[in-house]
Protein backbone atom coordinates (compact mmCIF):
# COMPACT_ATOMS: atom_id res chain seq x y z
CA UNK A 1 148.07 -128.65 193.30
CA UNK A 2 150.03 -128.46 190.11
CA UNK A 3 150.90 -124.84 190.50
CA UNK A 4 152.13 -125.61 194.18
CA UNK A 5 154.12 -128.52 192.93
CA UNK A 6 155.66 -126.51 190.06
CA UNK A 7 156.54 -123.67 192.59
CA UNK A 8 158.19 -126.10 195.03
CA UNK A 9 160.13 -127.64 192.17
CA UNK A 10 161.24 -124.33 190.93
CA UNK A 11 162.35 -123.18 194.33
CA UNK A 12 164.40 -126.48 194.87
CA UNK A 13 165.77 -126.12 191.33
CA UNK A 14 166.77 -122.53 192.00
CA UNK A 15 168.60 -123.72 195.35
CA UNK A 16 170.27 -126.58 193.83
CA UNK A 17 171.40 -125.03 190.50
CA UNK A 18 171.80 -121.52 191.71
CA UNK A 19 175.33 -121.43 190.70
CA UNK A 20 174.61 -122.69 187.22
CA UNK A 21 171.43 -120.40 186.50
CA UNK A 22 171.79 -117.00 184.99
CA UNK A 23 170.05 -114.04 186.74
CA UNK A 24 167.49 -114.07 183.93
CA UNK A 25 166.57 -117.75 184.31
CA UNK A 26 166.20 -117.26 188.19
CA UNK A 27 163.92 -114.37 187.70
CA UNK A 28 161.69 -116.08 185.27
CA UNK A 29 161.41 -119.02 187.74
CA UNK A 30 160.61 -116.76 190.65
CA UNK A 31 157.77 -114.90 188.50
CA UNK A 32 156.27 -118.27 187.74
CA UNK A 33 155.96 -119.21 191.37
CA UNK A 34 154.60 -115.89 192.05
CA UNK A 35 151.88 -116.21 189.59
CA UNK A 36 151.00 -119.69 190.69
CA UNK A 37 150.79 -118.51 194.39
CA UNK A 38 148.18 -115.84 193.56
CA UNK A 39 144.76 -116.60 195.35
CA UNK A 40 142.23 -118.27 193.25
CA UNK A 41 138.51 -117.69 193.65
CA UNK A 42 136.21 -120.31 195.12
CA UNK A 43 132.54 -120.60 196.03
CA UNK A 44 132.92 -118.64 199.35
CA UNK A 45 134.22 -115.61 197.61
CA UNK A 46 132.17 -113.04 195.64
CA UNK A 47 132.39 -113.21 191.84
CA UNK A 48 133.99 -110.48 189.81
CA UNK A 49 130.43 -109.38 188.77
CA UNK A 50 129.27 -108.97 192.30
CA UNK A 51 132.40 -107.00 193.06
CA UNK A 52 131.75 -104.58 190.14
CA UNK A 53 128.13 -104.36 191.15
CA UNK A 54 129.22 -103.39 194.70
CA UNK A 55 131.60 -100.77 193.21
CA UNK A 56 128.86 -99.22 191.17
CA UNK A 57 126.43 -98.92 193.98
CA UNK A 58 129.01 -96.86 196.06
CA UNK A 59 128.33 -93.86 193.83
CA UNK A 60 124.81 -93.91 194.79
CA UNK A 61 125.59 -92.44 198.11
CA UNK A 62 127.89 -89.61 196.67
CA UNK A 63 126.70 -85.94 196.75
CA UNK A 64 125.81 -84.40 193.37
CA UNK A 65 128.35 -81.98 191.93
CA UNK A 66 128.08 -78.31 192.54
CA UNK A 67 125.83 -76.03 190.28
CA UNK A 68 127.68 -73.83 187.79
CA UNK A 69 127.12 -71.01 185.51
CA UNK A 70 128.94 -70.53 182.26
CA UNK A 71 128.99 -66.97 180.91
CA UNK A 72 129.98 -65.78 177.43
CA UNK A 73 131.42 -62.24 177.44
CA UNK A 74 132.45 -59.97 174.63
CA UNK A 75 134.12 -57.54 176.91
CA UNK A 76 130.97 -55.35 176.98
CA UNK A 77 128.06 -57.79 178.04
CA UNK A 78 127.58 -61.21 179.16
CA UNK A 79 125.24 -64.08 177.94
CA UNK A 80 124.63 -67.20 179.96
CA UNK A 81 125.34 -70.57 178.27
CA UNK A 82 122.98 -73.45 178.85
CA UNK A 83 123.71 -75.67 181.95
CA UNK A 84 121.37 -78.60 182.45
CA UNK A 85 119.94 -79.82 185.71
CA UNK A 86 122.72 -82.37 185.73
CA UNK A 87 125.40 -79.82 185.38
CA UNK A 88 126.18 -80.63 181.75
CA UNK A 89 127.29 -77.83 179.45
CA UNK A 90 125.68 -77.05 176.20
CA UNK A 91 125.84 -74.29 173.78
CA UNK A 92 122.80 -71.87 173.98
CA UNK A 93 123.31 -70.67 170.45
CA UNK A 94 126.16 -70.54 167.88
CA UNK A 95 128.69 -67.81 168.29
CA UNK A 96 127.81 -66.09 164.95
CA UNK A 97 124.27 -65.02 165.01
CA UNK A 98 122.13 -63.37 162.41
CA UNK A 99 122.18 -59.57 162.56
CA UNK A 100 119.23 -57.52 161.78
CA UNK A 101 119.08 -53.81 160.64
CA UNK A 102 115.81 -51.98 161.88
CA UNK A 103 115.37 -48.17 161.28
CA UNK A 104 113.99 -46.28 164.18
CA UNK A 105 112.74 -43.64 161.64
CA UNK A 106 112.43 -43.83 157.82
CA UNK A 107 115.88 -43.17 156.06
CA UNK A 108 116.37 -39.66 154.72
CA UNK A 109 119.61 -39.57 152.76
CA UNK A 110 121.38 -42.26 150.61
CA UNK A 111 124.79 -42.13 148.78
CA UNK A 112 124.85 -43.71 145.36
CA UNK A 113 128.24 -44.83 143.81
CA UNK A 114 129.07 -46.43 140.52
CA UNK A 115 132.21 -47.91 138.99
CA UNK A 116 134.37 -45.50 136.76
CA UNK A 117 133.23 -44.99 133.31
CA UNK A 118 129.95 -44.36 131.40
CA UNK A 119 128.97 -47.89 130.67
CA UNK A 120 126.55 -47.98 133.84
CA UNK A 121 125.41 -44.37 133.42
CA UNK A 122 121.74 -45.47 132.43
CA UNK A 123 121.46 -47.87 135.25
CA UNK A 124 122.95 -45.13 137.64
CA UNK A 125 120.41 -42.48 136.59
CA UNK A 126 117.57 -44.93 137.03
CA UNK A 127 118.55 -45.83 140.37
CA UNK A 128 118.99 -42.16 141.46
CA UNK A 129 115.60 -41.18 139.99
CA UNK A 130 113.95 -44.15 141.78
CA UNK A 131 115.39 -43.18 145.13
CA UNK A 132 114.85 -39.43 144.90
CA UNK A 133 111.49 -39.25 142.99
CA UNK A 134 109.87 -42.50 143.95
CA UNK A 135 111.33 -42.98 147.53
CA UNK A 136 111.49 -39.23 148.33
CA UNK A 137 115.09 -39.54 149.61
CA UNK A 138 117.94 -37.03 149.28
CA UNK A 139 120.51 -38.48 147.00
CA UNK A 140 124.15 -37.84 147.37
CA UNK A 141 126.80 -38.49 144.67
CA UNK A 142 130.49 -37.95 144.66
CA UNK A 143 131.69 -34.36 143.70
CA UNK A 144 133.26 -35.61 140.37
CA UNK A 145 130.04 -37.30 139.35
CA UNK A 146 127.95 -34.24 140.42
CA UNK A 147 130.07 -31.98 138.20
CA UNK A 148 129.45 -34.37 135.20
CA UNK A 149 125.66 -34.63 135.83
CA UNK A 150 125.64 -30.85 136.14
CA UNK A 151 127.26 -30.36 132.83
CA UNK A 152 124.76 -32.74 131.24
CA UNK A 153 121.81 -30.70 132.72
CA UNK A 154 120.76 -33.69 134.99
CA UNK A 155 120.88 -31.61 138.05
CA UNK A 156 118.29 -29.15 136.85
CA UNK A 157 115.79 -32.14 136.28
CA UNK A 158 116.63 -33.94 139.50
CA UNK A 159 116.93 -31.25 142.26
CA UNK A 160 117.08 -34.06 144.96
CA UNK A 161 120.76 -34.82 143.93
CA UNK A 162 123.31 -33.17 146.23
CA UNK A 163 126.96 -33.75 147.06
CA UNK A 164 129.53 -32.47 149.65
CA UNK A 165 132.09 -29.55 149.19
CA UNK A 166 135.71 -29.19 149.37
CA UNK A 167 135.69 -27.87 152.92
CA UNK A 168 133.62 -30.77 154.19
CA UNK A 169 135.18 -33.68 155.90
CA UNK A 170 134.25 -36.93 154.02
CA UNK A 171 135.13 -38.90 157.12
CA UNK A 172 132.00 -37.41 158.76
CA UNK A 173 129.72 -38.33 156.00
CA UNK A 174 128.45 -41.29 158.29
CA UNK A 175 126.73 -38.87 160.39
CA UNK A 176 124.32 -37.72 157.57
CA UNK A 177 124.15 -40.85 155.19
CA UNK A 178 121.60 -43.56 156.21
CA UNK A 179 122.91 -46.16 153.62
CA UNK A 180 124.98 -46.56 150.62
CA UNK A 181 124.13 -48.08 147.18
CA UNK A 182 127.01 -49.50 145.09
CA UNK A 183 126.54 -50.24 141.35
CA UNK A 184 129.56 -52.21 140.46
CA UNK A 185 131.84 -54.97 141.72
CA UNK A 186 133.81 -55.64 144.97
CA UNK A 187 136.28 -52.84 144.21
CA UNK A 188 133.51 -50.25 144.54
CA UNK A 189 132.62 -51.61 147.87
CA UNK A 190 136.25 -51.30 148.98
CA UNK A 191 136.21 -47.72 147.57
CA UNK A 192 133.09 -46.96 149.81
CA UNK A 193 134.66 -48.21 152.90
CA UNK A 194 137.89 -45.98 152.14
CA UNK A 195 135.53 -43.07 151.49
CA UNK A 196 134.10 -43.07 154.89
CA UNK A 197 137.13 -44.10 156.94
CA UNK A 198 136.17 -45.47 160.33
CA UNK A 199 132.36 -45.53 160.76
CA UNK A 200 130.49 -46.82 157.70
CA UNK A 201 126.77 -46.82 156.95
CA UNK A 202 125.07 -50.00 155.62
CA UNK A 203 125.99 -50.94 152.15
CA UNK A 204 123.57 -52.50 149.61
CA UNK A 205 125.72 -53.73 146.63
CA UNK A 206 124.30 -54.64 143.12
CA UNK A 207 126.24 -57.01 140.96
CA UNK A 208 127.45 -55.04 137.93
CA UNK A 209 131.09 -55.77 137.97
CA UNK A 210 133.48 -58.57 137.24
CA UNK A 211 133.73 -59.94 140.84
CA UNK A 212 130.57 -60.54 142.96
CA UNK A 213 131.80 -61.91 146.43
CA UNK A 214 130.48 -58.70 148.06
CA UNK A 215 127.62 -57.92 145.64
CA UNK A 216 124.67 -60.51 146.33
CA UNK A 217 121.87 -58.38 144.83
CA UNK A 218 120.73 -58.41 141.27
CA UNK A 219 120.11 -55.10 139.60
CA UNK A 220 117.18 -56.52 137.54
CA UNK A 221 115.02 -56.59 140.84
CA UNK A 222 116.79 -53.44 142.47
CA UNK A 223 113.33 -51.76 143.14
CA UNK A 224 112.13 -54.76 145.27
CA UNK A 225 115.51 -54.87 147.25
CA UNK A 226 115.59 -51.08 147.89
CA UNK A 227 111.88 -51.09 149.06
CA UNK A 228 112.89 -53.78 151.51
CA UNK A 229 115.86 -51.85 152.76
CA UNK A 230 113.75 -48.54 153.18
CA UNK A 231 110.65 -50.01 154.60
CA UNK A 232 111.52 -53.40 155.89
CA UNK A 233 111.56 -56.99 154.61
CA UNK A 234 108.30 -58.92 154.65
CA UNK A 235 110.45 -62.13 154.98
CA UNK A 236 111.45 -61.31 158.66
CA UNK A 237 108.89 -63.13 160.96
CA UNK A 238 110.96 -63.06 164.09
CA UNK A 239 112.63 -60.27 166.12
CA UNK A 240 110.17 -57.57 164.92
CA UNK A 241 110.14 -54.43 167.07
CA UNK A 242 107.71 -51.68 167.71
CA UNK A 243 108.26 -47.98 167.83
CA UNK A 244 108.41 -46.36 171.15
CA UNK A 245 106.62 -43.22 169.81
CA UNK A 246 103.50 -44.76 168.10
CA UNK A 247 104.04 -48.40 168.73
CA UNK A 248 103.83 -49.05 165.07
CA UNK A 249 105.79 -52.20 163.84
CA UNK A 250 109.43 -51.60 162.85
CA UNK A 251 110.67 -54.08 160.26
CA UNK A 252 114.40 -54.58 159.22
CA UNK A 253 116.55 -56.40 156.88
CA UNK A 254 119.49 -58.94 157.24
CA UNK A 255 122.92 -57.70 157.38
CA UNK A 256 126.31 -59.07 157.84
CA UNK A 257 128.85 -57.11 160.02
CA UNK A 258 132.08 -57.73 158.14
CA UNK A 259 135.18 -57.59 160.30
CA UNK A 260 138.04 -55.15 159.47
CA UNK A 261 141.62 -54.75 160.64
CA UNK A 262 143.03 -51.75 162.30
CA UNK A 263 146.71 -51.23 161.29
CA UNK A 264 149.21 -48.66 162.73
CA UNK A 265 152.80 -48.05 161.89
CA UNK A 266 155.13 -47.55 164.86
CA UNK A 267 158.60 -46.05 164.74
CA UNK A 268 160.78 -45.82 167.95
CA UNK A 269 157.90 -47.03 170.00
CA UNK A 270 155.45 -44.40 168.87
CA UNK A 271 152.68 -44.61 166.34
CA UNK A 272 153.38 -42.33 163.22
CA UNK A 273 150.68 -39.56 162.75
CA UNK A 274 148.31 -40.31 159.99
CA UNK A 275 149.48 -43.91 159.72
CA UNK A 276 146.26 -45.74 161.10
CA UNK A 277 144.29 -47.61 158.41
CA UNK A 278 141.17 -49.90 158.71
CA UNK A 279 141.23 -52.58 155.99
CA UNK A 280 138.50 -54.72 154.81
CA UNK A 281 140.52 -57.28 152.83
CA UNK A 282 144.06 -57.45 154.04
CA UNK A 283 147.35 -55.62 154.92
CA UNK A 284 150.46 -56.77 153.19
CA UNK A 285 154.10 -56.25 154.49
CA UNK A 286 156.43 -57.27 151.71
CA UNK A 287 159.75 -56.36 150.15
CA UNK A 288 158.12 -54.64 147.20
CA UNK A 289 160.58 -53.91 144.44
CA UNK A 290 163.54 -54.54 146.78
CA UNK A 291 166.07 -57.50 145.71
CA UNK A 292 166.34 -58.92 149.25
CA UNK A 293 164.03 -61.11 151.30
CA UNK A 294 161.97 -59.47 154.11
CA UNK A 295 163.32 -60.45 157.55
CA UNK A 296 160.21 -60.00 159.80
CA UNK A 297 159.76 -60.68 163.58
CA UNK A 298 156.14 -61.57 164.63
CA UNK A 299 155.07 -60.82 168.02
CA UNK A 300 151.80 -61.28 169.86
CA UNK A 301 151.18 -58.81 172.60
CA UNK A 302 155.08 -58.41 172.91
CA UNK A 303 155.74 -62.20 172.97
CA UNK A 304 158.02 -63.45 170.07
CA UNK A 305 156.06 -65.91 168.02
CA UNK A 306 158.30 -66.55 165.06
CA UNK A 307 160.88 -65.01 162.64
CA UNK A 308 159.89 -65.07 158.93
CA UNK A 309 162.14 -64.71 155.88
CA UNK A 310 159.90 -64.47 152.78
CA UNK A 311 158.89 -62.10 150.05
CA UNK A 312 156.34 -60.94 152.74
CA UNK A 313 153.53 -61.70 155.04
CA UNK A 314 149.82 -60.87 154.83
CA UNK A 315 147.16 -60.45 157.41
CA UNK A 316 143.65 -60.73 156.15
CA UNK A 317 140.13 -60.74 157.27
CA UNK A 318 137.50 -63.44 156.46
CA UNK A 319 136.13 -61.19 153.73
CA UNK A 320 139.61 -60.81 152.38
CA UNK A 321 140.16 -64.67 152.61
CA UNK A 322 138.78 -64.98 149.04
CA UNK A 323 141.05 -62.23 147.54
CA UNK A 324 144.93 -62.01 147.79
CA UNK A 325 145.18 -64.50 150.67
CA UNK A 326 143.74 -67.49 148.77
CA UNK A 327 146.09 -66.82 145.95
CA UNK A 328 148.96 -67.15 148.25
CA UNK A 329 147.72 -70.46 149.62
CA UNK A 330 145.59 -69.20 152.54
CA UNK A 331 142.23 -70.85 153.62
CA UNK A 332 138.75 -69.41 152.54
CA UNK A 333 136.80 -68.46 155.64
CA UNK A 334 133.13 -67.34 155.88
CA UNK A 335 132.50 -63.69 156.96
CA UNK A 336 130.58 -64.81 160.05
CA UNK A 337 133.75 -66.50 161.41
CA UNK A 338 135.59 -63.47 162.91
CA UNK A 339 139.10 -64.41 162.62
CA UNK A 340 142.57 -63.11 161.49
CA UNK A 341 144.36 -65.04 158.67
CA UNK A 342 148.26 -64.98 158.78
CA UNK A 343 149.55 -66.06 155.33
CA UNK A 344 153.19 -66.01 154.37
CA UNK A 345 154.00 -64.86 150.81
CA UNK A 346 156.78 -67.26 149.19
CA UNK A 347 158.21 -68.16 152.43
CA UNK A 348 162.01 -69.41 152.50
CA UNK A 349 161.15 -72.30 154.95
CA UNK A 350 159.10 -74.90 153.46
CA UNK A 351 157.56 -75.68 156.92
CA UNK A 352 155.97 -72.26 157.34
CA UNK A 353 152.16 -72.65 156.68
CA UNK A 354 149.14 -70.26 156.81
CA UNK A 355 147.58 -69.78 160.35
CA UNK A 356 144.01 -68.80 161.30
CA UNK A 357 144.03 -66.69 164.48
CA UNK A 358 141.19 -65.61 166.80
CA UNK A 359 139.89 -62.20 166.32
CA UNK A 360 141.23 -60.88 169.64
CA UNK A 361 144.89 -61.49 168.63
CA UNK A 362 147.14 -58.48 168.64
CA UNK A 363 149.99 -58.88 166.20
CA UNK A 364 153.20 -56.75 165.83
CA UNK A 365 155.18 -57.38 162.66
CA UNK A 366 158.59 -55.86 163.14
CA UNK A 367 161.24 -55.31 160.45
CA UNK A 368 164.46 -57.00 162.07
CA UNK A 369 167.08 -54.60 163.03
CA UNK A 370 169.76 -56.60 161.09
CA UNK A 371 167.54 -56.83 158.11
CA UNK A 372 169.35 -55.74 154.81
CA UNK A 373 166.63 -53.62 153.83
CA UNK A 374 163.18 -52.26 154.99
CA UNK A 375 159.79 -53.27 153.78
CA UNK A 376 156.64 -51.79 152.20
CA UNK A 377 153.17 -51.98 153.61
CA UNK A 378 149.93 -51.78 151.60
CA UNK A 379 146.52 -51.61 152.86
CA UNK A 380 143.76 -53.08 150.65
CA UNK A 381 146.23 -52.58 147.74
CA UNK A 382 146.37 -48.70 148.48
CA UNK A 383 148.23 -46.28 150.67
CA UNK A 384 151.73 -47.62 150.35
CA UNK A 385 153.94 -46.98 153.34
CA UNK A 386 157.68 -47.64 153.73
CA UNK A 387 159.00 -49.28 156.88
CA UNK A 388 162.58 -49.09 158.05
CA UNK A 389 164.56 -51.73 159.96
CA UNK A 390 163.24 -51.38 163.63
CA UNK A 391 159.78 -50.13 162.54
CA UNK A 392 156.78 -52.19 163.30
CA UNK A 393 153.20 -52.82 162.04
CA UNK A 394 150.67 -53.23 164.74
CA UNK A 395 147.50 -55.07 163.60
CA UNK A 396 144.24 -55.98 165.55
CA UNK A 397 140.50 -56.32 164.98
CA UNK A 398 138.99 -53.00 164.15
CA UNK A 399 136.10 -51.94 166.40
CA UNK A 400 134.30 -50.52 163.25
CA UNK A 401 132.80 -53.33 160.89
CA UNK A 402 131.43 -52.92 157.57
CA UNK A 403 127.70 -53.59 157.51
CA UNK A 404 126.58 -55.25 154.26
CA UNK A 405 122.90 -55.70 153.50
CA UNK A 406 121.83 -59.12 152.49
CA UNK A 407 118.78 -60.28 150.67
CA UNK A 408 118.63 -63.61 152.52
CA UNK A 409 119.30 -64.87 156.12
CA UNK A 410 122.70 -66.37 156.95
CA UNK A 411 121.71 -70.04 156.33
CA UNK A 412 120.88 -69.20 152.65
CA UNK A 413 123.77 -66.86 152.64
CA UNK A 414 126.10 -69.79 153.64
CA UNK A 415 124.99 -71.96 150.67
CA UNK A 416 125.52 -69.11 148.28
CA UNK A 417 129.00 -68.55 149.90
CA UNK A 418 129.94 -72.12 149.24
CA UNK A 419 128.66 -72.08 145.63
CA UNK A 420 130.38 -68.78 144.95
CA UNK A 421 133.94 -69.84 146.30
CA UNK A 422 133.61 -73.19 144.85
CA UNK A 423 132.24 -72.15 141.39
CA UNK A 424 129.25 -74.43 141.46
CA UNK A 425 127.19 -74.02 138.26
């Protein structure tokens, strides 16, 4: 009753004093009357709780949503993700899975590499003797190393040592080498990848150098690790296979497929002959020794993304994220996270920040036509190539990874990665 009386009084006041009321005062009085005229609940009407219960019960008569499939495709095969009976989506497994290397037949030939100098000659000869004499493998060494061993009379005592000739194509060695042994640091692993070119055999690296991101194996237990590579690891309890010939058990070892980048230089819209490189760490496009900033246009599948004025830009792999990229302010990424890291080098703009792109990105770094000078491209720190204004560098994920042999599964390897990059004692 009080609201009705107030509304009537407000209406009368509005009629009597309309000439003296402002528009805002009249509107406030009208809103007050509307609020008071709103219907009030009483005992004959359902309560708000009953109304909400009625609304909820309506969904009981609805049809269930349609069944669905969710497929994960890599462009070559499809895997089905988990969809529950209620139509809810779940990941069937993490995207980065553990890879296992299983020999169909016992390895026959191994390439043994060591870093330059004579400081590791004793360990090198012990490794060669173990693989050749004890494991009955044919052991390949580099031609320069073969010549030195021949001068020292080692070849006569170790007839299982061999090398390739000048007329042989080193890029075809992958067809004959089962796996590679590296005695040194990360630089030697990079040397092995450049030695083979595109296709690379599995690499087992022993930590005998200054850096050890790519060398997880300790030389002190090299015989145990090599035996696991050749004959299979006893730690593998799942995914064991049997031979199709005699049904004997086939055992394998843990490996990591390290992503690489395929880089091509284009001029006048066409790729330059001999200018295709596969890099494990990074490709850098910079001003080099020129005094002017690089002016680079960045495209993704012919769509302009940004224009960069900087000393240069860098595209790196997750493996290379702990190398030059992290020194330039880029993030550190685990090797199992396939991605492409775009890192500027001393950019002129303070707002330019490193970016992590998916592995299917296809980038073109074009030297602007009005740039004051060209740029210099380096691939894993080697093979320097000059680009002129108008030239472009095309970068995408290489279809040829680098398989590195691990001595633990990826869960333990993940912890070791964290401890290595964070320098935990």
